[in-house]
PDB file of N, CA and C in Angstrom:
ATOM      1  N   MET A   1      14.277  21.511 -11.321  1.00  0.00           N
ATOM      2  CA  MET A   1      15.242  20.622  -9.824  1.00  0.00           C
ATOM      3  C   MET A   1      15.080  19.019 -10.717  1.00  0.00           C
ATOM      4  N   ALA A   2      16.269  17.980  -9.873  1.00  0.00           N
ATOM      5  CA  ALA A   2      16.935  16.789 -10.820  1.00  0.00           C
ATOM      6  C   ALA A   2      17.531  15.566  -9.435  1.00  0.00           C
ATOM      7  N   TRP A   3      16.867  14.576  -9.964  1.00  0.00           N
ATOM      8  CA  TRP A   3      16.820  13.701  -7.943  1.00  0.00           C
ATOM      9  C   TRP A   3      16.892  12.489  -8.807  1.00  0.00           C
ATOM     10  N   SER A   4      18.091  11.578  -8.530  1.00  0.00           N
ATOM     11  CA  SER A   4      18.116  10.751  -9.155  1.00  0.00           C
ATOM     12  C   SER A   4      16.860   9.255  -7.759  1.00  0.00           C
ATOM     13  N   THR A   5      17.440   8.409  -8.736  1.00  0.00           N
ATOM     14  CA  THR A   5      15.977   7.490  -8.314  1.00  0.00           C
ATOM     15  C   THR A   5      15.741   7.434  -6.577  1.00  0.00           C
ATOM     16  N   ARG A   6      17.081   7.466  -5.637  1.00  0.00           N
ATOM     17  CA  ARG A   6      17.002   7.629  -4.471  1.00  0.00           C
ATOM     18  C   ARG A   6      17.054   8.828  -3.759  1.00  0.00           C
ATOM     19  N   GLU A   7      17.520   9.966  -4.441  1.00  0.00           N
ATOM     20  CA  GLU A   7      16.708  11.017  -3.930  1.00  0.00           C
ATOM     21  C   GLU A   7      15.282  11.171  -4.014  1.00  0.00           C
ATOM     22  N   LEU A   8      14.968  10.366  -4.900  1.00  0.00           N
ATOM     23  CA  LEU A   8      13.143  10.430  -5.442  1.00  0.00           C
ATOM     24  C   LEU A   8      13.097   9.813  -3.889  1.00  0.00           C
ATOM     25  N   ALA A   9      13.358   8.128  -3.771  1.00  0.00           N
ATOM     26  CA  ALA A   9      12.308   7.705  -3.216  1.00  0.00           C
ATOM     27  C   ALA A   9      12.463   8.294  -1.156  1.00  0.00           C
ATOM     28  N   GLU A  10      13.972   9.294  -1.286  1.00  0.00           N
ATOM     29  CA  GLU A  10      13.907   9.706   0.791  1.00  0.00           C
ATOM     30  C   GLU A  10      12.491  10.519   0.074  1.00  0.00           C
ATOM     31  N   LEU A  11      12.438  11.632  -0.848  1.00  0.00           N
ATOM     32  CA  LEU A  11      11.794  12.872  -0.417  1.00  0.00           C
ATOM     33  C   LEU A  11      10.166  12.275  -1.396  1.00  0.00           C
ATOM     34  N   ALA A  12       9.925  11.269  -1.455  1.00  0.00           N
ATOM     35  CA  ALA A  12       8.814  10.554  -0.971  1.00  0.00           C
ATOM     36  C   ALA A  12       8.100   8.903   0.309  1.00  0.00           C
ATOM     37  N   GLY A  13       9.543   9.760   0.492  1.00  0.00           N
ATOM     38  CA  GLY A  13       9.338   8.459   2.318  1.00  0.00           C
ATOM     39  C   GLY A  13       8.780   6.737   0.950  1.00  0.00           C
ATOM     40  N   THR A  14       9.650   6.530   0.810  1.00  0.00           N
ATOM     41  CA  THR A  14       9.347   5.157   0.102  1.00  0.00           C
ATOM     42  C   THR A  14      11.369   4.850   0.013  1.00  0.00           C
ATOM     43  N   THR A  15      10.663   3.143  -1.255  1.00  0.00           N
ATOM     44  CA  THR A  15      12.157   3.145  -1.613  1.00  0.00           C
ATOM     45  C   THR A  15      12.896   3.140  -2.512  1.00  0.00           C
ATOM     46  N   VAL A  16      14.115   2.450  -2.849  1.00  0.00           N
ATOM     47  CA  VAL A  16      14.495   2.449  -4.686  1.00  0.00           C
ATOM     48  C   VAL A  16      13.645   1.463  -5.659  1.00  0.00           C
ATOM     49  N   ASN A  17      13.518   0.142  -4.253  1.00  0.00           N
ATOM     50  CA  ASN A  17      12.473  -0.784  -4.691  1.00  0.00           C
ATOM     51  C   ASN A  17      11.790  -0.294  -5.262  1.00  0.00           C
ATOM     52  N   THR A  18      10.624   0.560  -4.704  1.00  0.00           N
ATOM     53  CA  THR A  18       9.539   0.568  -4.346  1.00  0.00           C
ATOM     54  C   THR A  18       8.992   1.540  -5.901  1.00  0.00           C
ATOM     55  N   ILE A  19       9.983   1.897  -6.123  1.00  0.00           N
ATOM     56  CA  ILE A  19      10.112   3.176  -7.302  1.00  0.00           C
ATOM     57  C   ILE A  19       9.976   2.412  -8.810  1.00  0.00           C
ATOM     58  N   ARG A  20      11.385   1.157  -8.583  1.00  0.00           N
ATOM     59  CA  ARG A  20      12.007  -0.040 -10.094  1.00  0.00           C
ATOM     60  C   ARG A  20       9.877  -0.640 -10.025  1.00  0.00           C
ATOM     61  N   HIS A  21       9.437  -1.195  -8.788  1.00  0.00           N
ATOM     62  CA  HIS A  21       8.406  -1.945  -8.990  1.00  0.00           C
ATOM     63  C   HIS A  21       7.582  -1.248 -10.223  1.00  0.00           C
ATOM     64  N   TYR A  22       7.047   0.242  -9.212  1.00  0.00           N
ATOM     65  CA  TYR A  22       5.798   0.679 -10.059  1.00  0.00           C
ATOM     66  C   TYR A  22       6.492   1.269 -11.604  1.00  0.00           C
ATOM     67  N   HIS A  23       7.676   1.454 -12.072  1.00  0.00           N
ATOM     68  CA  HIS A  23       7.508   1.250 -13.631  1.00  0.00           C
ATOM     69  C   HIS A  23       7.037  -0.260 -14.127  1.00  0.00           C
ATOM     70  N   ARG A  24       7.841  -0.949 -13.558  1.00  0.00           N
ATOM     71  CA  ARG A  24       7.832  -2.429 -14.113  1.00  0.00           C
ATOM     72  C   ARG A  24       6.085  -2.639 -14.302  1.00  0.00           C
ATOM     73  N   LEU A  25       5.005  -1.818 -13.299  1.00  0.00           N
ATOM     74  CA  LEU A  25       4.350  -2.186 -13.405  1.00  0.00           C
ATOM     75  C   LEU A  25       3.531  -0.693 -14.533  1.00  0.00           C
ATOM     76  N   GLY A  26       4.049  -0.256 -14.436  1.00  0.00           N
ATOM     77  CA  GLY A  26       3.614   1.008 -15.388  1.00  0.00           C
ATOM     78  C   GLY A  26       2.690   2.576 -14.639  1.00  0.00           C
ATOM     79  N   LEU A  27       2.939   1.857 -13.237  1.00  0.00           N
ATOM     80  CA  LEU A  27       2.389   3.031 -12.664  1.00  0.00           C
ATOM     81  C   LEU A  27       3.077   4.763 -12.610  1.00  0.00           C
ATOM     82  N   LEU A  28       4.374   4.462 -13.164  1.00  0.00           N
ATOM     83  CA  LEU A  28       5.347   5.324 -12.988  1.00  0.00           C
ATOM     84  C   LEU A  28       6.243   5.686 -14.456  1.00  0.00           C
ATOM     85  N   ASP A  29       6.257   6.125 -15.206  1.00  0.00           N
ATOM     86  CA  ASP A  29       7.509   6.753 -16.044  1.00  0.00           C
ATOM     87  C   ASP A  29       8.852   6.495 -16.271  1.00  0.00           C
ATOM     88  N   GLU A  30       9.544   5.538 -16.749  1.00  0.00           N
ATOM     89  CA  GLU A  30      10.711   5.666 -16.673  1.00  0.00           C
ATOM     90  C   GLU A  30      11.207   7.834 -17.051  1.00  0.00           C
ATOM     91  N   PRO A  31      12.390   8.304 -16.129  1.00  0.00           N
ATOM     92  CA  PRO A  31      12.261   9.669 -16.776  1.00  0.00           C
ATOM     93  C   PRO A  31      13.443   9.370 -18.333  1.00  0.00           C
ATOM     94  N   GLU A  32      14.271  10.965 -18.406  1.00  0.00           N
ATOM     95  CA  GLU A  32      15.172  11.380 -19.635  1.00  0.00           C
ATOM     96  C   GLU A  32      16.471  10.391 -18.336  1.00  0.00           C
ATOM     97  N   ARG A  33      17.612  10.225 -18.913  1.00  0.00           N
ATOM     98  CA  ARG A  33      18.302   9.398 -18.396  1.00  0.00           C
ATOM     99  C   ARG A  33      19.626  10.266 -18.655  1.00  0.00           C
ATOM    100  N   ARG A  34      20.582  11.057 -17.268  1.00  0.00           N
ATOM    101  CA  ARG A  34      21.849  11.784 -17.352  1.00  0.00           C
ATOM    102  C   ARG A  34      22.610  11.656 -18.414  1.00  0.00           C
ATOM    103  N   HIS A  35      23.876  11.812 -18.595  1.00  0.00           N
ATOM    104  CA  HIS A  35      24.522  10.718 -19.914  1.00  0.00           C
ATOM    105  C   HIS A  35      25.798  10.691 -18.978  1.00  0.00           C
ATOM    106  N   ASN A  36      25.582   9.937 -17.327  1.00  0.00           N
ATOM    107  CA  ASN A  36      26.230   9.052 -17.571  1.00  0.00           C
ATOM    108  C   ASN A  36      25.622   8.140 -17.349  1.00  0.00           C
ATOM    109  N   GLY A  37      23.805   7.860 -17.453  1.00  0.00           N
ATOM    110  CA  GLY A  37      23.430   6.635 -17.888  1.00  0.00           C
ATOM    111  C   GLY A  37      22.486   6.889 -16.412  1.00  0.00           C
ATOM    112  N   TYR A  38      22.723   7.190 -15.356  1.00  0.00           N
ATOM    113  CA  TYR A  38      21.722   7.563 -14.683  1.00  0.00           C
ATOM    114  C   TYR A  38      20.655   7.979 -14.323  1.00  0.00           C
ATOM    115  N   LYS A  39      19.042   7.575 -13.677  1.00  0.00           N
ATOM    116  CA  LYS A  39      18.265   7.963 -14.149  1.00  0.00           C
ATOM    117  C   LYS A  39      17.494  10.071 -13.641  1.00  0.00           C
ATOM    118  N   GLN A  40      17.513  10.616 -14.696  1.00  0.00           N
ATOM    119  CA  GLN A  40      16.788  11.743 -13.785  1.00  0.00           C
ATOM    120  C   GLN A  40      15.280  12.509 -13.847  1.00  0.00           C
ATOM    121  N   TYR A  41      15.556  12.264 -12.337  1.00  0.00           N
ATOM    122  CA  TYR A  41      13.516  12.755 -12.254  1.00  0.00           C
ATOM    123  C   TYR A  41      13.812  13.767 -11.528  1.00  0.00           C
ATOM    124  N   GLY A  42      11.863  14.485 -12.185  1.00  0.00           N
ATOM    125  CA  GLY A  42      11.488  16.123 -11.841  1.00  0.00           C
ATOM    126  C   GLY A  42      10.618  15.595 -10.685  1.00  0.00           C
ATOM    127  N   THR A  43      10.000  17.340 -11.217  1.00  0.00           N
ATOM    128  CA  THR A  43       8.377  17.669 -10.204  1.00  0.00           C
ATOM    129  C   THR A  43       7.498  16.634 -10.663  1.00  0.00           C
ATOM    130  N   PRO A  44       7.251  16.271 -12.270  1.00  0.00           N
ATOM    131  CA  PRO A  44       6.909  15.657 -12.470  1.00  0.00           C
ATOM    132  C   PRO A  44       6.490  14.014 -11.983  1.00  0.00           C
ATOM    133  N   GLU A  45       7.552  13.517 -11.827  1.00  0.00           N
ATOM    134  CA  GLU A  45       7.502  12.278 -10.944  1.00  0.00           C
ATOM    135  C   GLU A  45       7.120  11.862 -10.155  1.00  0.00           C
ATOM    136  N   LEU A  46       8.306  13.401  -8.971  1.00  0.00           N
ATOM    137  CA  LEU A  46       7.755  13.047  -8.038  1.00  0.00           C
ATOM    138  C   LEU A  46       6.360  13.015  -7.495  1.00  0.00           C
ATOM    139  N   VAL A  47       5.740  14.163  -7.860  1.00  0.00           N
ATOM    140  CA  VAL A  47       4.566  14.572  -7.812  1.00  0.00           C
ATOM    141  C   VAL A  47       3.013  13.672  -8.090  1.00  0.00           C
ATOM    142  N   ARG A  48       3.577  12.441  -9.235  1.00  0.00           N
ATOM    143  CA  ARG A  48       2.965  11.229  -9.690  1.00  0.00           C
ATOM    144  C   ARG A  48       2.797  10.138  -8.474  1.00  0.00           C
ATOM    145  N   LEU A  49       4.279   9.667  -7.940  1.00  0.00           N
ATOM    146  CA  LEU A  49       4.901   9.553  -7.051  1.00  0.00           C
ATOM    147  C   LEU A  49       4.181   9.507  -5.747  1.00  0.00           C
ATOM    148  N   LEU A  50       3.931  10.861  -5.739  1.00  0.00           N
ATOM    149  CA  LEU A  50       3.272  11.173  -4.034  1.00  0.00           C
ATOM    150  C   LEU A  50       1.767  11.206  -4.194  1.00  0.00           C
ATOM    151  N   ARG A  51       1.379  10.740  -5.696  1.00  0.00           N
ATOM    152  CA  ARG A  51      -0.483  10.376  -5.573  1.00  0.00           C
ATOM    153  C   ARG A  51      -0.382   9.275  -5.808  1.00  0.00           C
ATOM    154  N   ILE A  52       0.739   7.901  -6.264  1.00  0.00           N
ATOM    155  CA  ILE A  52       0.656   6.410  -6.265  1.00  0.00           C
ATOM    156  C   ILE A  52       0.885   6.413  -4.388  1.00  0.00           C
ATOM    157  N   ARG A  53       1.974   6.984  -3.264  1.00  0.00           N
ATOM    158  CA  ARG A  53       1.755   5.917  -2.346  1.00  0.00           C
ATOM    159  C   ARG A  53       0.564   6.915  -1.459  1.00  0.00           C
ATOM    160  N   ARG A  54       0.122   7.996  -1.585  1.00  0.00           N
ATOM    161  CA  ARG A  54      -1.655   8.099  -1.138  1.00  0.00           C
ATOM    162  C   ARG A  54      -2.124   7.228  -1.396  1.00  0.00           C
ATOM    163  N   LEU A  55      -2.448   7.057  -2.457  1.00  0.00           N
ATOM    164  CA  LEU A  55      -3.917   5.839  -3.256  1.00  0.00           C
ATOM    165  C   LEU A  55      -3.807   4.249  -2.537  1.00  0.00           C
ATOM    166  N   VAL A  56      -2.307   4.267  -2.485  1.00  0.00           N
ATOM    167  CA  VAL A  56      -1.452   2.671  -1.512  1.00  0.00           C
ATOM    168  C   VAL A  56      -2.294   3.520  -0.260  1.00  0.00           C
ATOM    169  N   GLY A  57      -1.790   4.356   0.124  1.00  0.00           N
ATOM    170  CA  GLY A  57      -1.858   4.077   2.274  1.00  0.00           C
ATOM    171  C   GLY A  57      -3.172   4.447   2.264  1.00  0.00           C
ATOM    172  N   LEU A  58      -3.806   4.642   0.869  1.00  0.00           N
ATOM    173  CA  LEU A  58      -5.269   4.545   1.526  1.00  0.00           C
ATOM    174  C   LEU A  58      -6.319   2.711   1.332  1.00  0.00           C
ATOM    175  N   GLY A  59      -5.485   2.288   0.652  1.00  0.00           N
ATOM    176  CA  GLY A  59      -5.549   0.562   0.790  1.00  0.00           C
ATOM    177  C   GLY A  59      -6.636   0.650  -0.751  1.00  0.00           C
ATOM    178  N   VAL A  60      -6.096   1.645  -1.593  1.00  0.00           N
ATOM    179  CA  VAL A  60      -6.523   1.368  -2.938  1.00  0.00           C
ATOM    180  C   VAL A  60      -5.687   0.031  -3.883  1.00  0.00           C
ATOM    181  N   PRO A  61      -5.465  -0.875  -4.705  1.00  0.00           N
ATOM    182  CA  PRO A  61      -4.918  -2.333  -5.346  1.00  0.00           C
ATOM    183  C   PRO A  61      -4.059  -1.479  -6.372  1.00  0.00           C
ATOM    184  N   LEU A  62      -2.921  -1.431  -6.389  1.00  0.00           N
ATOM    185  CA  LEU A  62      -1.787  -1.355  -7.452  1.00  0.00           C
ATOM    186  C   LEU A  62      -2.531  -1.550  -8.783  1.00  0.00           C
ATOM    187  N   ALA A  63      -3.447  -2.394  -9.028  1.00  0.00           N
ATOM    188  CA  ALA A  63      -3.616  -2.446 -10.220  1.00  0.00           C
ATOM    189  C   ALA A  63      -5.140  -1.324 -10.816  1.00  0.00           C
ATOM    190  N   TRP A  64      -5.166  -1.478  -9.950  1.00  0.00           N
ATOM    191  CA  TRP A  64      -6.315  -0.051  -9.780  1.00  0.00           C
ATOM    192  C   TRP A  64      -6.403   1.228 -10.035  1.00  0.00           C
ATOM    193  N   ILE A  65      -4.840   1.330  -9.069  1.00  0.00           N
ATOM    194  CA  ILE A  65      -4.259   2.864  -9.905  1.00  0.00           C
ATOM    195  C   ILE A  65      -3.772   3.314 -11.154  1.00  0.00           C
ATOM    196  N   GLY A  66      -3.351   1.823 -10.962  1.00  0.00           N
ATOM    197  CA  GLY A  66      -3.000   1.276 -13.277  1.00  0.00           C
ATOM    198  C   GLY A  66      -4.025   1.678 -13.335  1.00  0.00           C
ATOM    199  N   GLU A  67      -5.453   1.305 -13.614  1.00  0.00           N
ATOM    200  CA  GLU A  67      -5.983   1.966 -14.197  1.00  0.00           C
ATOM    201  C   GLU A  67      -6.596   3.499 -14.698  1.00  0.00           C
ATOM    202  N   ALA A  68      -6.626   3.671 -13.220  1.00  0.00           N
ATOM    203  CA  ALA A  68      -7.266   5.425 -13.030  1.00  0.00           C
ATOM    204  C   ALA A  68      -6.391   6.236 -13.695  1.00  0.00           C
ATOM    205  N   GLY A  69      -4.896   5.731 -14.380  1.00  0.00           N
ATOM    206  CA  GLY A  69      -4.374   6.610 -14.840  1.00  0.00           C
ATOM    207  C   GLY A  69      -3.380   8.191 -14.191  1.00  0.00           C
ATOM    208  N   ALA A  70      -2.918   8.702 -15.362  1.00  0.00           N
ATOM    209  CA  ALA A  70      -2.131   9.853 -14.482  1.00  0.00           C
ATOM    210  C   ALA A  70      -2.236  10.360 -13.728  1.00  0.00           C
ATOM    211  N   ASP A  71      -3.841  10.732 -13.857  1.00  0.00           N
ATOM    212  CA  ASP A  71      -4.355  11.648 -13.122  1.00  0.00           C
ATOM    213  C   ASP A  71      -4.855  11.243 -11.448  1.00  0.00           C
ATOM    214  N   GLY A  72      -4.616   9.829 -11.316  1.00  0.00           N
ATOM    215  CA  GLY A  72      -5.253   9.186 -10.223  1.00  0.00           C
ATOM    216  C   GLY A  72      -6.455   8.991  -9.904  1.00  0.00           C
ATOM    217  N   ASN A  73      -6.888   9.887 -10.564  1.00  0.00           N
ATOM    218  CA  ASN A  73      -8.669   9.913  -9.839  1.00  0.00           C
ATOM    219  C   ASN A  73      -9.238   8.775 -10.230  1.00  0.00           C
ATOM    220  N   LEU A  74     -10.133   8.413  -8.679  1.00  0.00           N
ATOM    221  CA  LEU A  74     -10.356   7.250  -8.669  1.00  0.00           C
ATOM    222  C   LEU A  74     -12.204   7.386  -8.765  1.00  0.00           C
ATOM    223  N   SER A  75     -12.576   6.261  -9.471  1.00  0.00           N
ATOM    224  CA  SER A  75     -14.211   7.062  -8.805  1.00  0.00           C
ATOM    225  C   SER A  75     -14.763   6.792  -7.763  1.00  0.00           C
ATOM    226  N   PRO A  76     -15.973   7.472  -7.014  1.00  0.00           N
ATOM    227  CA  PRO A  76     -16.693   6.855  -6.362  1.00  0.00           C
ATOM    228  C   PRO A  76     -16.942   5.479  -5.834  1.00  0.00           C
ATOM    229  N   GLU A  77     -16.927   4.604  -6.594  1.00  0.00           N
ATOM    230  CA  GLU A  77     -18.066   3.238  -6.421  1.00  0.00           C
ATOM    231  C   GLU A  77     -16.498   2.770  -6.286  1.00  0.00           C
ATOM    232  N   ALA A  78     -15.194   3.087  -6.456  1.00  0.00           N
ATOM    233  CA  ALA A  78     -13.593   2.895  -6.490  1.00  0.00           C
ATOM    234  C   ALA A  78     -13.581   2.806  -4.569  1.00  0.00           C
ATOM    235  N   LEU A  79     -13.351   4.123  -4.606  1.00  0.00           N
ATOM    236  CA  LEU A  79     -13.560   4.399  -3.568  1.00  0.00           C
ATOM    237  C   LEU A  79     -14.098   3.410  -2.014  1.00  0.00           C
ATOM    238  N   ARG A  80     -15.846   3.400  -2.728  1.00  0.00           N
ATOM    239  CA  ARG A  80     -16.794   2.741  -1.651  1.00  0.00           C
ATOM    240  C   ARG A  80     -16.748   1.384  -1.337  1.00  0.00           C
ATOM    241  N   GLN A  81     -15.799   0.757  -2.796  1.00  0.00           N
ATOM    242  CA  GLN A  81     -14.745  -0.485  -2.822  1.00  0.00           C
ATOM    243  C   GLN A  81     -13.623  -1.296  -1.516  1.00  0.00           C
ATOM    244  N   VAL A  82     -12.799  -0.324  -1.845  1.00  0.00           N
ATOM    245  CA  VAL A  82     -11.370   0.635  -1.268  1.00  0.00           C
ATOM    246  C   VAL A  82     -12.268   0.087   0.701  1.00  0.00           C
ATOM    247  N   ASP A  83     -13.152   1.192   0.688  1.00  0.00           N
ATOM    248  CA  ASP A  83     -13.756   1.215   2.092  1.00  0.00           C
ATOM    249  C   ASP A  83     -15.028   0.237   2.366  1.00  0.00           C
ATOM    250  N   ALA A  84     -15.504  -0.925   1.500  1.00  0.00           N
ATOM    251  CA  ALA A  84     -15.651  -1.862   2.103  1.00  0.00           C
ATOM    252  C   ALA A  84     -14.908  -3.315   2.961  1.00  0.00           C
ATOM    253  N   LYS A  85     -13.902  -2.870   2.162  1.00  0.00           N
ATOM    254  CA  LYS A  85     -12.717  -4.125   2.209  1.00  0.00           C
ATOM    255  C   LYS A  85     -12.567  -3.642   3.403  1.00  0.00           C
ATOM    256  N   LEU A  86     -12.062  -2.128   3.715  1.00  0.00           N
ATOM    257  CA  LEU A  86     -11.872  -1.643   5.312  1.00  0.00           C
ATOM    258  C   LEU A  86     -12.383  -1.897   6.292  1.00  0.00           C
ATOM    259  N   VAL A  87     -13.698  -1.602   6.533  1.00  0.00           N
ATOM    260  CA  VAL A  87     -14.518  -2.329   7.435  1.00  0.00           C
ATOM    261  C   VAL A  87     -14.865  -3.669   7.213  1.00  0.00           C
ATOM    262  N   ALA A  88     -14.782  -4.398   6.559  1.00  0.00           N
ATOM    263  CA  ALA A  88     -13.979  -6.437   6.299  1.00  0.00           C
ATOM    264  C   ALA A  88     -12.771  -6.480   7.023  1.00  0.00           C
ATOM    265  N   GLU A  89     -11.878  -6.071   7.274  1.00  0.00           N
ATOM    266  CA  GLU A  89     -10.353  -6.129   7.821  1.00  0.00           C
ATOM    267  C   GLU A  89     -11.097  -5.163   9.302  1.00  0.00           C
ATOM    268  N   ILE A  90     -11.185  -3.838   9.386  1.00  0.00           N
ATOM    269  CA  ILE A  90     -11.460  -3.955  11.158  1.00  0.00           C
ATOM    270  C   ILE A  90     -12.624  -4.834  11.777  1.00  0.00           C
ATOM    271  N   GLU A  91     -13.639  -5.536  10.860  1.00  0.00           N
ATOM    272  CA  GLU A  91     -14.426  -5.923  11.878  1.00  0.00           C
ATOM    273  C   GLU A  91     -13.484  -7.849  12.298  1.00  0.00           C
ATOM    274  N   ARG A  92     -12.734  -7.854  11.040  1.00  0.00           N
ATOM    275  CA  ARG A  92     -11.718  -9.090  11.426  1.00  0.00           C
ATOM    276  C   ARG A  92     -10.427  -9.263  12.819  1.00  0.00           C
ATOM    277  N   LEU A  93     -10.511  -7.620  12.564  1.00  0.00           N
ATOM    278  CA  LEU A  93      -9.025  -7.052  13.501  1.00  0.00           C
ATOM    279  C   LEU A  93      -9.787  -7.548  15.105  1.00  0.00           C
ATOM    280  N   VAL A  94     -10.835  -6.355  14.777  1.00  0.00           N
ATOM    281  CA  VAL A  94     -11.784  -7.345  16.320  1.00  0.00           C
ATOM    282  C   VAL A  94     -12.087  -8.352  16.431  1.00  0.00           C
ATOM    283  N   ARG A  95     -12.582  -8.940  15.980  1.00  0.00           N
ATOM    284  CA  ARG A  95     -12.828 -10.197  16.390  1.00  0.00           C
ATOM    285  C   ARG A  95     -11.499 -10.852  16.670  1.00  0.00           C
ATOM    286  N   SER A  96     -10.469 -11.129  15.801  1.00  0.00           N
ATOM    287  CA  SER A  96      -9.015 -11.733  17.115  1.00  0.00           C
ATOM    288  C   SER A  96      -8.762 -10.648  17.686  1.00  0.00           C
ATOM    289  N   ARG A  97      -9.167  -9.799  18.320  1.00  0.00           N
ATOM    290  CA  ARG A  97      -8.526  -9.693  19.330  1.00  0.00           C
ATOM    291  C   ARG A  97      -8.856  -9.812  20.714  1.00  0.00           C
ATOM    292  N   SER A  98     -10.169  -9.840  20.573  1.00  0.00           N
ATOM    293  CA  SER A  98     -11.328 -10.291  20.857  1.00  0.00           C
ATOM    294  C   SER A  98     -11.482 -12.331  21.827  1.00  0.00           C
ATOM    295  N   ASP A  99     -10.479 -12.637  20.617  1.00  0.00           N
ATOM    296  CA  ASP A  99     -10.159 -13.614  20.763  1.00  0.00           C
ATOM    297  C   ASP A  99      -9.125 -13.842  21.749  1.00  0.00           C
ATOM    298  N   ILE A 100      -8.041 -12.668  20.774  1.00  0.00           N
ATOM    299  CA  ILE A 100      -6.507 -13.371  22.223  1.00  0.00           C
ATOM    300  C   ILE A 100      -7.481 -12.693  23.364  1.00  0.00           C
ATOM    301  N   ALA A 101      -7.741 -11.968  23.746  1.00  0.00           N
ATOM    302  CA  ALA A 101      -8.379 -11.280  24.539  1.00  0.00           C
ATOM    303  C   ALA A 101      -9.196 -12.600  26.175  1.00  0.00           C
ATOM    304  N   ALA A 102      -9.650 -13.519  24.954  1.00  0.00           N
ATOM    305  CA  ALA A 102      -9.986 -14.455  26.028  1.00  0.00           C
ATOM    306  C   ALA A 102      -9.076 -16.067  25.894  1.00  0.00           C
ATOM    307  N   ILE A 103      -8.181 -15.766  24.517  1.00  0.00           N
ATOM    308  CA  ILE A 103      -7.276 -16.826  25.371  1.00  0.00           C
ATOM    309  C   ILE A 103      -6.488 -16.531  26.570  1.00  0.00           C
ATOM    310  N   LEU A 104      -6.247 -15.050  26.499  1.00  0.00           N
ATOM    311  CA  LEU A 104      -4.864 -14.368  27.838  1.00  0.00           C
ATOM    312  C   LEU A 104      -5.786 -14.624  28.368  1.00  0.00           C
ATOM    313  N   ARG A 105      -7.258 -13.969  28.968  1.00  0.00           N
ATOM    314  CA  ARG A 105      -7.781 -14.462  29.971  1.00  0.00           C
ATOM    315  C   ARG A 105      -8.427 -15.967  30.363  1.00  0.00           C
ATOM    316  N   ASP A 106      -8.464 -16.946  29.923  1.00  0.00           N
ATOM    317  CA  ASP A 106      -8.811 -17.935  30.131  1.00  0.00           C
ATOM    318  C   ASP A 106      -7.418 -19.066  29.599  1.00  0.00           C
ATOM    319  N   GLY A 107      -6.674 -18.703  29.434  1.00  0.00           N
ATOM    320  CA  GLY A 107      -5.375 -19.132  30.308  1.00  0.00           C
ATOM    321  C   GLY A 107      -5.367 -20.347  29.006  1.00  0.00           C
ATOM    322  N   ALA A 108      -6.039 -20.335  27.471  1.00  0.00           N
ATOM    323  CA  ALA A 108      -6.165 -21.286  26.565  1.00  0.00           C
ATOM    324  C   ALA A 108      -5.321 -21.317  25.724  1.00  0.00           C
ATOM    325  N   ALA A 109      -4.984 -22.192  25.432  1.00  0.00           N
ATOM    326  CA  ALA A 109      -3.900 -22.614  24.091  1.00  0.00           C
ATOM    327  C   ALA A 109      -4.509 -21.809  22.857  1.00  0.00           C
ATOM    328  N   ALA A 110      -3.203 -20.846  22.401  1.00  0.00           N
ATOM    329  CA  ALA A 110      -3.368 -20.481  20.933  1.00  0.00           C
ATOM    330  C   ALA A 110      -4.034 -20.901  20.142  1.00  0.00           C
ATOM    331  N   ASP A 111      -3.613 -22.589  20.016  1.00  0.00           N
ATOM    332  CA  ASP A 111      -4.326 -22.648  18.733  1.00  0.00           C
ATOM    333  C   ASP A 111      -5.362 -23.893  18.908  1.00  0.00           C
ATOM    334  N   THR A 112      -6.147 -22.987  19.681  1.00  0.00           N
ATOM    335  CA  THR A 112      -7.286 -23.752  20.207  1.00  0.00           C
ATOM    336  C   THR A 112      -8.348 -23.266  20.203  1.00  0.00           C
ATOM    337  N   PRO A 113      -9.631 -23.865  18.765  1.00  0.00           N
ATOM    338  CA  PRO A 113      -9.791 -23.299  17.947  1.00  0.00           C
ATOM    339  C   PRO A 113     -11.531 -22.405  18.970  1.00  0.00           C
ATOM    340  N   ALA A 114     -12.003 -21.493  18.862  1.00  0.00           N
ATOM    341  CA  ALA A 114     -13.049 -20.973  19.763  1.00  0.00           C
ATOM    342  C   ALA A 114     -14.424 -21.703  20.073  1.00  0.00           C
ATOM    343  N   GLY A 115     -14.278 -21.770  21.168  1.00  0.00           N
ATOM    344  CA  GLY A 115     -15.386 -23.127  21.484  1.00  0.00           C
ATOM    345  C   GLY A 115     -15.283 -23.679  21.972  1.00  0.00           C
ATOM    346  N   PHE A 116     -13.889 -24.205  21.599  1.00  0.00           N
ATOM    347  CA  PHE A 116     -13.216 -25.440  21.997  1.00  0.00           C
ATOM    348  C   PHE A 116     -12.717 -25.497  23.354  1.00  0.00           C
ATOM    349  N   GLU A 117     -12.541 -24.458  24.223  1.00  0.00           N
ATOM    350  CA  GLU A 117     -11.402 -24.779  25.211  1.00  0.00           C
ATOM    351  C   GLU A 117     -11.939 -25.532  26.215  1.00  0.00           C
ATOM    352  N   SER A 118     -13.271 -25.976  26.217  1.00  0.00           N
ATOM    353  CA  SER A 118     -12.903 -26.393  27.693  1.00  0.00           C
ATOM    354  C   SER A 118     -12.702 -28.575  26.685  1.00  0.00           C
ATOM    355  N   VAL A 119     -12.739 -28.650  25.478  1.00  0.00           N
ATOM    356  CA  VAL A 119     -12.384 -29.699  25.443  1.00  0.00           C
ATOM    357  C   VAL A 119     -11.161 -29.731  24.858  1.00  0.00           C
ATOM    358  N   ALA A 120     -10.084 -28.725  24.840  1.00  0.00           N
ATOM    359  CA  ALA A 120      -8.611 -28.994  24.194  1.00  0.00           C
ATOM    360  C   ALA A 120      -8.567 -28.776  25.867  1.00  0.00           C
TER     361      ALA A 120
END
């Protein structure tokens, strides 16, 4: 099979601009071009793109994906680091939700720092 950039993006559930960005970062190799100058992607490029999208979806930084190489394998330590960042983000979101609940409950201004409601 051979696909255009647009077709490849549709198959992978992403955008043409994302594919171009991955080319610029060196995460996705430039494919051969057809006689008309259009890029012609094959199954290996689709598989690589799907692997990149999977890692991005897990929260892996693009720089780490480039370091992982073509096979996309990350060390267990790298995955633990991503997991720790996700835990910290979840904790931040839980705090934010708690603050929003307090604002809605108490009718305080949203820009009032927590603990200063009585002063504001």
